[in-house]
Amino acid sequence: MLSKCHNLILILWAVIALGTVALAEQPGKESPSPTLGAAMASTGGEGKAAIPQVGHTVKADTLHRVTRPGLYGMSQAPAGSAYGIVNDRLIRFDPATGRVLSIIRQVDRILD
């Protein structure tokens, strides 16, 4: 009985994993733009705020660099990265390249 239960769990896990991959690779879907500026253009222009994506490069004029991460419940950023806010999203980015390393969460307002 225990062996059958393990087999069912394994099969269920495989179905979920394959289904997730299939949904992510649907034909006809465009891949995300490499820059936030390009993403803004694809969402209809300047009137709509683009949501930053991991791998996008943020421009300095769209980024608020977080100077006091404790106000956001964060410790200091890992070496080689910094925290910032882009379009109401708290992100971690590479200050040398402007590349988004992670999206942390949405924020209601800038605190620092």
PDB file of N, CA and C in Angstrom:
ATOM      1  N   MET A   1       0.826  -1.203   0.000  1.00  0.00           N
ATOM      2  CA  MET A   1       0.000   0.000   0.000  1.00  0.00           C
ATOM      3  C   MET A   1       0.859   1.252   0.000  1.00  0.00           C
ATOM      4  N   LEU A   2       1.921   1.238   0.802  1.00  0.00           N
ATOM      5  CA  LEU A   2       2.802   2.393   0.885  1.00  0.00           C
ATOM      6  C   LEU A   2       3.491   2.641  -0.446  1.00  0.00           C
ATOM      7  N   SER A   3       3.859   1.583  -1.149  1.00  0.00           N
ATOM      8  CA  SER A   3       4.506   1.717  -2.449  1.00  0.00           C
ATOM      9  C   SER A   3       3.562   2.361  -3.463  1.00  0.00           C
ATOM     10  N   LYS A   4       2.284   1.985  -3.445  1.00  0.00           N
ATOM     11  CA  LYS A   4       1.305   2.585  -4.361  1.00  0.00           C
ATOM     12  C   LYS A   4       1.136   4.070  -4.067  1.00  0.00           C
ATOM     13  N   CYS A   5       1.138   4.434  -2.802  1.00  0.00           N
ATOM     14  CA  CYS A   5       0.998   5.842  -2.408  1.00  0.00           C
ATOM     15  C   CYS A   5       2.187   6.655  -2.908  1.00  0.00           C
ATOM     16  N   HIS A   6       3.392   6.092  -2.761  1.00  0.00           N
ATOM     17  CA  HIS A   6       4.584   6.784  -3.249  1.00  0.00           C
ATOM     18  C   HIS A   6       4.540   6.948  -4.757  1.00  0.00           C
ATOM     19  N   ASN A   7       4.086   5.932  -5.469  1.00  0.00           N
ATOM     20  CA  ASN A   7       3.974   6.002  -6.927  1.00  0.00           C
ATOM     21  C   ASN A   7       2.974   7.072  -7.343  1.00  0.00           C
ATOM     22  N   LEU A   8       1.851   7.149  -6.663  1.00  0.00           N
ATOM     23  CA  LEU A   8       0.848   8.160  -6.994  1.00  0.00           C
ATOM     24  C   LEU A   8       1.386   9.569  -6.745  1.00  0.00           C
ATOM     25  N   ILE A   9       2.095   9.742  -5.659  1.00  0.00           N
ATOM     26  CA  ILE A   9       2.670  11.056  -5.360  1.00  0.00           C
ATOM     27  C   ILE A   9       3.700  11.426  -6.418  1.00  0.00           C
ATOM     28  N   LEU A  10       4.521  10.486  -6.838  1.00  0.00           N
ATOM     29  CA  LEU A  10       5.525  10.733  -7.863  1.00  0.00           C
ATOM     30  C   LEU A  10       4.870  11.099  -9.187  1.00  0.00           C
ATOM     31  N   ILE A  11       3.833  10.386  -9.556  1.00  0.00           N
ATOM     32  CA  ILE A  11       3.113  10.670 -10.802  1.00  0.00           C
ATOM     33  C   ILE A  11       2.461  12.045 -10.731  1.00  0.00           C
ATOM     34  N   LEU A  12       1.840  12.363  -9.614  1.00  0.00           N
ATOM     35  CA  LEU A  12       1.207  13.670  -9.448  1.00  0.00           C
ATOM     36  C   LEU A  12       2.232  14.789  -9.540  1.00  0.00           C
ATOM     37  N   TRP A  13       3.366  14.604  -8.910  1.00  0.00           N
ATOM     38  CA  TRP A  13       4.425  15.609  -8.965  1.00  0.00           C
ATOM     39  C   TRP A  13       4.900  15.819 -10.399  1.00  0.00           C
ATOM     40  N   ALA A  14       5.078  14.732 -11.156  1.00  0.00           N
ATOM     41  CA  ALA A  14       5.534  14.819 -12.545  1.00  0.00           C
ATOM     42  C   ALA A  14       4.505  15.543 -13.411  1.00  0.00           C
ATOM     43  N   VAL A  15       3.229  15.250 -13.219  1.00  0.00           N
ATOM     44  CA  VAL A  15       2.171  15.908 -13.988  1.00  0.00           C
ATOM     45  C   VAL A  15       2.157  17.410 -13.704  1.00  0.00           C
ATOM     46  N   ILE A  16       2.285  17.788 -12.452  1.00  0.00           N
ATOM     47  CA  ILE A  16       2.302  19.208 -12.096  1.00  0.00           C
ATOM     48  C   ILE A  16       3.522  19.892 -12.692  1.00  0.00           C
ATOM     49  N   ALA A  17       4.686  19.269 -12.598  1.00  0.00           N
ATOM     50  CA  ALA A  17       5.912  19.859 -13.136  1.00  0.00           C
ATOM     51  C   ALA A  17       5.820  20.040 -14.648  1.00  0.00           C
ATOM     52  N   LEU A  18       5.348  19.022 -15.358  1.00  0.00           N
ATOM     53  CA  LEU A  18       5.231  19.116 -16.814  1.00  0.00           C
ATOM     54  C   LEU A  18       4.164  20.114 -17.228  1.00  0.00           C
ATOM     55  N   GLY A  19       3.083  20.184 -16.479  1.00  0.00           N
ATOM     56  CA  GLY A  19       2.031  21.151 -16.788  1.00  0.00           C
ATOM     57  C   GLY A  19       2.516  22.579 -16.633  1.00  0.00           C
ATOM     58  N   THR A  20       3.332  22.833 -15.621  1.00  0.00           N
ATOM     59  CA  THR A  20       3.883  24.165 -15.415  1.00  0.00           C
ATOM     60  C   THR A  20       4.787  24.557 -16.569  1.00  0.00           C
ATOM     61  N   VAL A  21       5.620  23.641 -17.015  1.00  0.00           N
ATOM     62  CA  VAL A  21       6.516  23.914 -18.145  1.00  0.00           C
ATOM     63  C   VAL A  21       5.700  24.155 -19.408  1.00  0.00           C
ATOM     64  N   ALA A  22       4.674  23.368 -19.631  1.00  0.00           N
ATOM     65  CA  ALA A  22       3.853  23.528 -20.829  1.00  0.00           C
ATOM     66  C   ALA A  22       3.158  24.886 -20.843  1.00  0.00           C
ATOM     67  N   LEU A  23       2.675  25.326 -19.698  1.00  0.00           N
ATOM     68  CA  LEU A  23       2.021  26.634 -19.638  1.00  0.00           C
ATOM     69  C   LEU A  23       3.008  27.768 -19.874  1.00  0.00           C
ATOM     70  N   ALA A  24       4.227  27.616 -19.391  1.00  0.00           N
ATOM     71  CA  ALA A  24       5.228  28.663 -19.539  1.00  0.00           C
ATOM     72  C   ALA A  24       5.710  28.794 -20.977  1.00  0.00           C
ATOM     73  N   GLU A  25       5.632  27.745 -21.752  1.00  0.00           N
ATOM     74  CA  GLU A  25       6.150  27.759 -23.115  1.00  0.00           C
ATOM     75  C   GLU A  25       5.035  27.723 -24.155  1.00  0.00           C
ATOM     76  N   GLN A  26       3.971  28.457 -23.936  1.00  0.00           N
ATOM     77  CA  GLN A  26       2.874  28.471 -24.884  1.00  0.00           C
ATOM     78  C   GLN A  26       3.305  29.195 -26.153  1.00  0.00           C
ATOM     79  N   PRO A  27       3.026  28.623 -27.328  1.00  0.00           N
ATOM     80  CA  PRO A  27       3.399  29.286 -28.576  1.00  0.00           C
ATOM     81  C   PRO A  27       2.583  30.559 -28.766  1.00  0.00           C
ATOM     82  N   GLY A  28       3.187  31.516 -29.428  1.00  0.00           N
ATOM     83  CA  GLY A  28       2.503  32.780 -29.702  1.00  0.00           C
ATOM     84  C   GLY A  28       2.684  33.808 -28.623  1.00  0.00           C
ATOM     85  N   LYS A  29       3.252  33.444 -27.496  1.00  0.00           N
ATOM     86  CA  LYS A  29       3.504  34.389 -26.414  1.00  0.00           C
ATOM     87  C   LYS A  29       4.881  34.998 -26.623  1.00  0.00           C
ATOM     88  N   GLU A  30       4.948  36.321 -26.501  1.00  0.00           N
ATOM     89  CA  GLU A  30       6.238  36.989 -26.637  1.00  0.00           C
ATOM     90  C   GLU A  30       7.027  36.850 -25.355  1.00  0.00           C
ATOM     91  N   SER A  31       8.342  36.758 -25.491  1.00  0.00           N
ATOM     92  CA  SER A  31       9.192  36.721 -24.312  1.00  0.00           C
ATOM     93  C   SER A  31       9.337  38.138 -23.783  1.00  0.00           C
ATOM     94  N   PRO A  32       9.654  38.309 -22.490  1.00  0.00           N
ATOM     95  CA  PRO A  32       9.770  39.638 -21.925  1.00  0.00           C
ATOM     96  C   PRO A  32      10.852  40.458 -22.595  1.00  0.00           C
ATOM     97  N   SER A  33      10.631  41.767 -22.642  1.00  0.00           N
ATOM     98  CA  SER A  33      11.589  42.684 -23.234  1.00  0.00           C
ATOM     99  C   SER A  33      12.827  42.761 -22.363  1.00  0.00           C
ATOM    100  N   PRO A  34      13.996  42.980 -22.973  1.00  0.00           N
ATOM    101  CA  PRO A  34      15.213  43.013 -22.179  1.00  0.00           C
ATOM    102  C   PRO A  34      15.400  44.283 -21.369  1.00  0.00           C
ATOM    103  N   THR A  35      14.699  45.353 -21.713  1.00  0.00           N
ATOM    104  CA  THR A  35      14.836  46.582 -20.941  1.00  0.00           C
ATOM    105  C   THR A  35      13.475  47.071 -20.501  1.00  0.00           C
ATOM    106  N   LEU A  36      13.467  47.813 -19.417  1.00  0.00           N
ATOM    107  CA  LEU A  36      12.216  48.351 -18.913  1.00  0.00           C
ATOM    108  C   LEU A  36      11.627  49.342 -19.898  1.00  0.00           C
ATOM    109  N   GLY A  37      12.458  50.110 -20.583  1.00  0.00           N
ATOM    110  CA  GLY A  37      11.981  51.055 -21.589  1.00  0.00           C
ATOM    111  C   GLY A  37      11.241  50.347 -22.705  1.00  0.00           C
ATOM    112  N   ALA A  38      11.786  49.225 -23.170  1.00  0.00           N
ATOM    113  CA  ALA A  38      11.121  48.455 -24.217  1.00  0.00           C
ATOM    114  C   ALA A  38       9.813  47.874 -23.706  1.00  0.00           C
ATOM    115  N   ALA A  39       9.782  47.470 -22.440  1.00  0.00           N
ATOM    116  CA  ALA A  39       8.548  46.938 -21.860  1.00  0.00           C
ATOM    117  C   ALA A  39       7.484  48.023 -21.786  1.00  0.00           C
ATOM    118  N   MET A  40       7.879  49.252 -21.485  1.00  0.00           N
ATOM    119  CA  MET A  40       6.915  50.350 -21.432  1.00  0.00           C
ATOM    120  C   MET A  40       6.334  50.601 -22.807  1.00  0.00           C
ATOM    121  N   ALA A  41       7.157  50.513 -23.839  1.00  0.00           N
ATOM    122  CA  ALA A  41       6.668  50.726 -25.195  1.00  0.00           C
ATOM    123  C   ALA A  41       5.668  49.641 -25.575  1.00  0.00           C
ATOM    124  N   SER A  42       5.897  48.415 -25.116  1.00  0.00           N
ATOM    125  CA  SER A  42       5.000  47.326 -25.473  1.00  0.00           C
ATOM    126  C   SER A  42       3.690  47.361 -24.694  1.00  0.00           C
ATOM    127  N   THR A  43       3.618  48.149 -23.607  1.00  0.00           N
ATOM    128  CA  THR A  43       2.383  48.215 -22.836  1.00  0.00           C
ATOM    129  C   THR A  43       1.529  49.412 -23.217  1.00  0.00           C
ATOM    130  N   GLY A  44       1.961  50.152 -24.234  1.00  0.00           N
ATOM    131  CA  GLY A  44       1.123  51.254 -24.676  1.00  0.00           C
ATOM    132  C   GLY A  44       1.757  52.601 -24.458  1.00  0.00           C
ATOM    133  N   GLY A  45       3.010  52.667 -24.105  1.00  0.00           N
ATOM    134  CA  GLY A  45       3.676  53.946 -24.028  1.00  0.00           C
ATOM    135  C   GLY A  45       3.899  54.438 -22.628  1.00  0.00           C
ATOM    136  N   GLU A  46       4.092  55.734 -22.526  1.00  0.00           N
ATOM    137  CA  GLU A  46       4.485  56.338 -21.267  1.00  0.00           C
ATOM    138  C   GLU A  46       3.351  56.414 -20.252  1.00  0.00           C
ATOM    139  N   GLY A  47       2.110  56.351 -20.675  1.00  0.00           N
ATOM    140  CA  GLY A  47       1.002  56.489 -19.754  1.00  0.00           C
ATOM    141  C   GLY A  47       0.842  55.320 -18.807  1.00  0.00           C
ATOM    142  N   LYS A  48       1.343  54.174 -19.163  1.00  0.00           N
ATOM    143  CA  LYS A  48       1.203  52.982 -18.329  1.00  0.00           C
ATOM    144  C   LYS A  48       2.557  52.598 -17.769  1.00  0.00           C
ATOM    145  N   ALA A  49       2.576  52.226 -16.511  1.00  0.00           N
ATOM    146  CA  ALA A  49       3.827  51.834 -15.863  1.00  0.00           C
ATOM    147  C   ALA A  49       4.101  50.358 -16.124  1.00  0.00           C
ATOM    148  N   ALA A  50       5.304  50.080 -16.600  1.00  0.00           N
ATOM    149  CA  ALA A  50       5.699  48.696 -16.841  1.00  0.00           C
ATOM    150  C   ALA A  50       6.185  48.071 -15.547  1.00  0.00           C
ATOM    151  N   ILE A  51       5.862  46.821 -15.361  1.00  0.00           N
ATOM    152  CA  ILE A  51       6.321  46.085 -14.190  1.00  0.00           C
ATOM    153  C   ILE A  51       7.714  45.568 -14.510  1.00  0.00           C
ATOM    154  N   PRO A  52       8.690  45.864 -13.652  1.00  0.00           N
ATOM    155  CA  PRO A  52      10.039  45.378 -13.931  1.00  0.00           C
ATOM    156  C   PRO A  52      10.095  43.856 -13.880  1.00  0.00           C
ATOM    157  N   GLN A  53      10.957  43.280 -14.671  1.00  0.00           N
ATOM    158  CA  GLN A  53      11.146  41.832 -14.720  1.00  0.00           C
ATOM    159  C   GLN A  53      12.606  41.520 -14.435  1.00  0.00           C
ATOM    160  N   VAL A  54      12.855  40.372 -13.846  1.00  0.00           N
ATOM    161  CA  VAL A  54      14.227  39.941 -13.606  1.00  0.00           C
ATOM    162  C   VAL A  54      14.938  39.873 -14.958  1.00  0.00           C
ATOM    163  N   GLY A  55      16.109  40.468 -15.018  1.00  0.00           N
ATOM    164  CA  GLY A  55      16.882  40.506 -16.251  1.00  0.00           C
ATOM    165  C   GLY A  55      16.742  41.810 -17.009  1.00  0.00           C
ATOM    166  N   HIS A  56      15.664  42.567 -16.757  1.00  0.00           N
ATOM    167  CA  HIS A  56      15.521  43.879 -17.382  1.00  0.00           C
ATOM    168  C   HIS A  56      16.598  44.812 -16.855  1.00  0.00           C
ATOM    169  N   THR A  57      16.917  45.815 -17.630  1.00  0.00           N
ATOM    170  CA  THR A  57      17.826  46.862 -17.188  1.00  0.00           C
ATOM    171  C   THR A  57      16.988  48.097 -16.905  1.00  0.00           C
ATOM    172  N   VAL A  58      17.095  48.620 -15.695  1.00  0.00           N
ATOM    173  CA  VAL A  58      16.328  49.805 -15.333  1.00  0.00           C
ATOM    174  C   VAL A  58      17.162  51.053 -15.586  1.00  0.00           C
ATOM    175  N   LYS A  59      16.496  52.090 -16.038  1.00  0.00           N
ATOM    176  CA  LYS A  59      17.167  53.366 -16.267  1.00  0.00           C
ATOM    177  C   LYS A  59      17.181  54.146 -14.960  1.00  0.00           C
ATOM    178  N   ALA A  60      18.231  54.929 -14.774  1.00  0.00           N
ATOM    179  CA  ALA A  60      18.405  55.678 -13.531  1.00  0.00           C
ATOM    180  C   ALA A  60      17.244  56.629 -13.269  1.00  0.00           C
ATOM    181  N   ASP A  61      16.633  57.181 -14.314  1.00  0.00           N
ATOM    182  CA  ASP A  61      15.547  58.140 -14.109  1.00  0.00           C
ATOM    183  C   ASP A  61      14.233  57.488 -13.698  1.00  0.00           C
ATOM    184  N   THR A  62      14.128  56.155 -13.779  1.00  0.00           N
ATOM    185  CA  THR A  62      12.905  55.460 -13.342  1.00  0.00           C
ATOM    186  C   THR A  62      13.097  54.762 -12.003  1.00  0.00           C
ATOM    187  N   LEU A  63      14.311  54.851 -11.439  1.00  0.00           N
ATOM    188  CA  LEU A  63      14.666  54.098 -10.240  1.00  0.00           C
ATOM    189  C   LEU A  63      14.853  55.015  -9.043  1.00  0.00           C
ATOM    190  N   HIS A  64      14.223  54.655  -7.926  1.00  0.00           N
ATOM    191  CA  HIS A  64      14.520  55.304  -6.641  1.00  0.00           C
ATOM    192  C   HIS A  64      15.410  54.340  -5.878  1.00  0.00           C
ATOM    193  N   ARG A  65      16.632  54.740  -5.633  1.00  0.00           N
ATOM    194  CA  ARG A  65      17.563  53.874  -4.906  1.00  0.00           C
ATOM    195  C   ARG A  65      17.250  53.945  -3.415  1.00  0.00           C
ATOM    196  N   VAL A  66      17.065  52.798  -2.785  1.00  0.00           N
ATOM    197  CA  VAL A  66      16.742  52.726  -1.360  1.00  0.00           C
ATOM    198  C   VAL A  66      18.025  52.967  -0.568  1.00  0.00           C
ATOM    199  N   THR A  67      17.982  53.978   0.309  1.00  0.00           N
ATOM    200  CA  THR A  67      19.154  54.308   1.125  1.00  0.00           C
ATOM    201  C   THR A  67      19.036  53.764   2.547  1.00  0.00           C
ATOM    202  N   ARG A  68      17.821  53.452   2.969  1.00  0.00           N
ATOM    203  CA  ARG A  68      17.591  52.925   4.317  1.00  0.00           C
ATOM    204  C   ARG A  68      16.725  51.669   4.222  1.00  0.00           C
ATOM    205  N   PRO A  69      17.352  50.522   3.899  1.00  0.00           N
ATOM    206  CA  PRO A  69      16.567  49.295   3.696  1.00  0.00           C
ATOM    207  C   PRO A  69      15.798  48.838   4.925  1.00  0.00           C
ATOM    208  N   GLY A  70      16.223  49.229   6.121  1.00  0.00           N
ATOM    209  CA  GLY A  70      15.514  48.847   7.337  1.00  0.00           C
ATOM    210  C   GLY A  70      14.085  49.363   7.361  1.00  0.00           C
ATOM    211  N   LEU A  71      13.827  50.486   6.705  1.00  0.00           N
ATOM    212  CA  LEU A  71      12.461  51.019   6.640  1.00  0.00           C
ATOM    213  C   LEU A  71      11.515  50.097   5.871  1.00  0.00           C
ATOM    214  N   TYR A  72      12.089  49.229   5.057  1.00  0.00           N
ATOM    215  CA  TYR A  72      11.306  48.289   4.258  1.00  0.00           C
ATOM    216  C   TYR A  72      11.387  46.864   4.819  1.00  0.00           C
ATOM    217  N   GLY A  73      11.976  46.739   6.023  1.00  0.00           N
ATOM    218  CA  GLY A  73      12.107  45.434   6.645  1.00  0.00           C
ATOM    219  C   GLY A  73      13.225  44.602   6.050  1.00  0.00           C
ATOM    220  N   MET A  74      14.199  45.269   5.435  1.00  0.00           N
ATOM    221  CA  MET A  74      15.294  44.576   4.771  1.00  0.00           C
ATOM    222  C   MET A  74      16.606  44.875   5.486  1.00  0.00           C
ATOM    223  N   SER A  75      17.553  43.942   5.398  1.00  0.00           N
ATOM    224  CA  SER A  75      18.912  44.211   5.869  1.00  0.00           C
ATOM    225  C   SER A  75      19.694  44.798   4.688  1.00  0.00           C
ATOM    226  N   GLN A  76      20.971  45.023   4.883  1.00  0.00           N
ATOM    227  CA  GLN A  76      21.782  45.534   3.786  1.00  0.00           C
ATOM    228  C   GLN A  76      21.754  44.554   2.616  1.00  0.00           C
ATOM    229  N   ALA A  77      21.804  45.090   1.412  1.00  0.00           N
ATOM    230  CA  ALA A  77      21.793  44.243   0.220  1.00  0.00           C
ATOM    231  C   ALA A  77      23.079  43.423   0.140  1.00  0.00           C
ATOM    232  N   PRO A  78      22.999  42.238  -0.452  1.00  0.00           N
ATOM    233  CA  PRO A  78      24.219  41.437  -0.636  1.00  0.00           C
ATOM    234  C   PRO A  78      25.255  42.200  -1.459  1.00  0.00           C
ATOM    235  N   ALA A  79      26.510  41.839  -1.298  1.00  0.00           N
ATOM    236  CA  ALA A  79      27.590  42.495  -2.027  1.00  0.00           C
ATOM    237  C   ALA A  79      27.321  42.465  -3.533  1.00  0.00           C
ATOM    238  N   GLY A  80      27.558  43.590  -4.180  1.00  0.00           N
ATOM    239  CA  GLY A  80      27.356  43.674  -5.627  1.00  0.00           C
ATOM    240  C   GLY A  80      25.931  43.960  -6.036  1.00  0.00           C
ATOM    241  N   SER A  81      25.071  44.278  -5.068  1.00  0.00           N
ATOM    242  CA  SER A  81      23.686  44.596  -5.395  1.00  0.00           C
ATOM    243  C   SER A  81      23.186  45.714  -4.492  1.00  0.00           C
ATOM    244  N   ALA A  82      22.055  46.277  -4.853  1.00  0.00           N
ATOM    245  CA  ALA A  82      21.434  47.348  -4.078  1.00  0.00           C
ATOM    246  C   ALA A  82      19.921  47.199  -4.215  1.00  0.00           C
ATOM    247  N   TYR A  83      19.194  47.864  -3.323  1.00  0.00           N
ATOM    248  CA  TYR A  83      17.737  47.858  -3.390  1.00  0.00           C
ATOM    249  C   TYR A  83      17.260  49.146  -4.037  1.00  0.00           C
ATOM    250  N   GLY A  84      16.148  49.044  -4.724  1.00  0.00           N
ATOM    251  CA  GLY A  84      15.546  50.214  -5.338  1.00  0.00           C
ATOM    252  C   GLY A  84      14.057  49.995  -5.515  1.00  0.00           C
ATOM    253  N   ILE A  85      13.384  51.064  -5.922  1.00  0.00           N
ATOM    254  CA  ILE A  85      11.945  50.996  -6.197  1.00  0.00           C
ATOM    255  C   ILE A  85      11.719  51.473  -7.617  1.00  0.00           C
ATOM    256  N   VAL A  86      11.018  50.640  -8.393  1.00  0.00           N
ATOM    257  CA  VAL A  86      10.651  50.965  -9.765  1.00  0.00           C
ATOM    258  C   VAL A  86       9.169  50.659  -9.913  1.00  0.00           C
ATOM    259  N   ASN A  87       8.394  51.658 -10.279  1.00  0.00           N
ATOM    260  CA  ASN A  87       6.954  51.475 -10.509  1.00  0.00           C
ATOM    261  C   ASN A  87       6.276  50.713  -9.368  1.00  0.00           C
ATOM    262  N   ASP A  88       6.508  51.191  -8.147  1.00  0.00           N
ATOM    263  CA  ASP A  88       5.894  50.639  -6.936  1.00  0.00           C
ATOM    264  C   ASP A  88       6.322  49.209  -6.627  1.00  0.00           C
ATOM    265  N   ARG A  89       7.466  48.770  -7.142  1.00  0.00           N
ATOM    266  CA  ARG A  89       8.003  47.445  -6.836  1.00  0.00           C
ATOM    267  C   ARG A  89       9.366  47.607  -6.177  1.00  0.00           C
ATOM    268  N   LEU A  90       9.555  46.946  -5.049  1.00  0.00           N
ATOM    269  CA  LEU A  90      10.851  46.905  -4.387  1.00  0.00           C
ATOM    270  C   LEU A  90      11.667  45.834  -5.090  1.00  0.00           C
ATOM    271  N   ILE A  91      12.830  46.233  -5.599  1.00  0.00           N
ATOM    272  CA  ILE A  91      13.666  45.313  -6.358  1.00  0.00           C
ATOM    273  C   ILE A  91      15.078  45.276  -5.786  1.00  0.00           C
ATOM    274  N   ARG A  92      15.827  44.259  -6.169  1.00  0.00           N
ATOM    275  CA  ARG A  92      17.264  44.202  -5.926  1.00  0.00           C
ATOM    276  C   ARG A  92      17.903  44.262  -7.294  1.00  0.00           C
ATOM    277  N   PHE A  93      18.904  45.133  -7.459  1.00  0.00           N
ATOM    278  CA  PHE A  93      19.504  45.317  -8.766  1.00  0.00           C
ATOM    279  C   PHE A  93      21.020  45.421  -8.657  1.00  0.00           C
ATOM    280  N   ASP A  94      21.674  45.261  -9.794  1.00  0.00           N
ATOM    281  CA  ASP A  94      23.122  45.412  -9.888  1.00  0.00           C
ATOM    282  C   ASP A  94      23.408  46.885 -10.166  1.00  0.00           C
ATOM    283  N   PRO A  95      24.026  47.609  -9.228  1.00  0.00           N
ATOM    284  CA  PRO A  95      24.236  49.042  -9.434  1.00  0.00           C
ATOM    285  C   PRO A  95      25.196  49.360 -10.587  1.00  0.00           C
ATOM    286  N   ALA A  96      26.051  48.420 -10.960  1.00  0.00           N
ATOM    287  CA  ALA A  96      26.990  48.671 -12.056  1.00  0.00           C
ATOM    288  C   ALA A  96      26.305  48.620 -13.417  1.00  0.00           C
ATOM    289  N   THR A  97      25.334  47.724 -13.566  1.00  0.00           N
ATOM    290  CA  THR A  97      24.687  47.542 -14.873  1.00  0.00           C
ATOM    291  C   THR A  97      23.234  47.991 -14.906  1.00  0.00           C
ATOM    292  N   GLY A  98      22.601  48.112 -13.743  1.00  0.00           N
ATOM    293  CA  GLY A  98      21.183  48.443 -13.687  1.00  0.00           C
ATOM    294  C   GLY A  98      20.282  47.247 -13.931  1.00  0.00           C
ATOM    295  N   ARG A  99      20.841  46.050 -14.012  1.00  0.00           N
ATOM    296  CA  ARG A  99      20.067  44.843 -14.282  1.00  0.00           C
ATOM    297  C   ARG A  99      19.301  44.406 -13.036  1.00  0.00           C
ATOM    298  N   VAL A 100      18.014  44.107 -13.204  1.00  0.00           N
ATOM    299  CA  VAL A 100      17.166  43.648 -12.102  1.00  0.00           C
ATOM    300  C   VAL A 100      17.554  42.211 -11.747  1.00  0.00           C
ATOM    301  N   LEU A 101      17.898  42.016 -10.470  1.00  0.00           N
ATOM    302  CA  LEU A 101      18.295  40.691  -9.990  1.00  0.00           C
ATOM    303  C   LEU A 101      17.135  39.946  -9.351  1.00  0.00           C
ATOM    304  N   SER A 102      16.220  40.689  -8.685  1.00  0.00           N
ATOM    305  CA  SER A 102      15.040  40.054  -8.099  1.00  0.00           C
ATOM    306  C   SER A 102      13.969  41.094  -7.838  1.00  0.00           C
ATOM    307  N   ILE A 103      12.729  40.638  -7.891  1.00  0.00           N
ATOM    308  CA  ILE A 103      11.575  41.459  -7.529  1.00  0.00           C
ATOM    309  C   ILE A 103      11.180  41.000  -6.128  1.00  0.00           C
ATOM    310  N   ILE A 104      11.155  41.913  -5.180  1.00  0.00           N
ATOM    311  CA  ILE A 104      10.904  41.517  -3.803  1.00  0.00           C
ATOM    312  C   ILE A 104       9.415  41.602  -3.470  1.00  0.00           C
ATOM    313  N   ARG A 105       8.821  42.763  -3.673  1.00  0.00           N
ATOM    314  CA  ARG A 105       7.385  42.913  -3.405  1.00  0.00           C
ATOM    315  C   ARG A 105       6.920  44.288  -3.858  1.00  0.00           C
ATOM    316  N   GLN A 106       5.613  44.467  -3.838  1.00  0.00           N
ATOM    317  CA  GLN A 106       5.023  45.763  -4.144  1.00  0.00           C
ATOM    318  C   GLN A 106       5.100  46.635  -2.890  1.00  0.00           C
ATOM    319  N   VAL A 107       5.302  47.937  -3.089  1.00  0.00           N
ATOM    320  CA  VAL A 107       5.309  48.879  -1.976  1.00  0.00           C
ATOM    321  C   VAL A 107       4.264  49.954  -2.240  1.00  0.00           C
ATOM    322  N   ASP A 108       3.664  50.444  -1.157  1.00  0.00           N
ATOM    323  CA  ASP A 108       2.641  51.467  -1.299  1.00  0.00           C
ATOM    324  C   ASP A 108       3.225  52.859  -1.507  1.00  0.00           C
ATOM    325  N   ARG A 109       4.395  53.096  -0.871  1.00  0.00           N
ATOM    326  CA  ARG A 109       5.017  54.416  -1.013  1.00  0.00           C
ATOM    327  C   ARG A 109       6.505  54.325  -0.696  1.00  0.00           C
ATOM    328  N   ILE A 110       7.217  55.342  -1.106  1.00  0.00           N
ATOM    329  CA  ILE A 110       8.648  55.430  -0.822  1.00  0.00           C
ATOM    330  C   ILE A 110       8.821  55.972   0.586  1.00  0.00           C
ATOM    331  N   LEU A 111       9.619  55.288   1.391  1.00  0.00           N
ATOM    332  CA  LEU A 111       9.771  55.648   2.789  1.00  0.00           C
ATOM    333  C   LEU A 111      11.076  56.371   3.104  1.00  0.00           C
ATOM    334  N   ASP A 112      12.028  56.351   2.197  1.00  0.00           N
ATOM    335  CA  ASP A 112      13.319  57.012   2.459  1.00  0.00           C
ATOM    336  C   ASP A 112      13.654  58.054   1.415  1.00  0.00           C
TER     337      ASP A 112
END
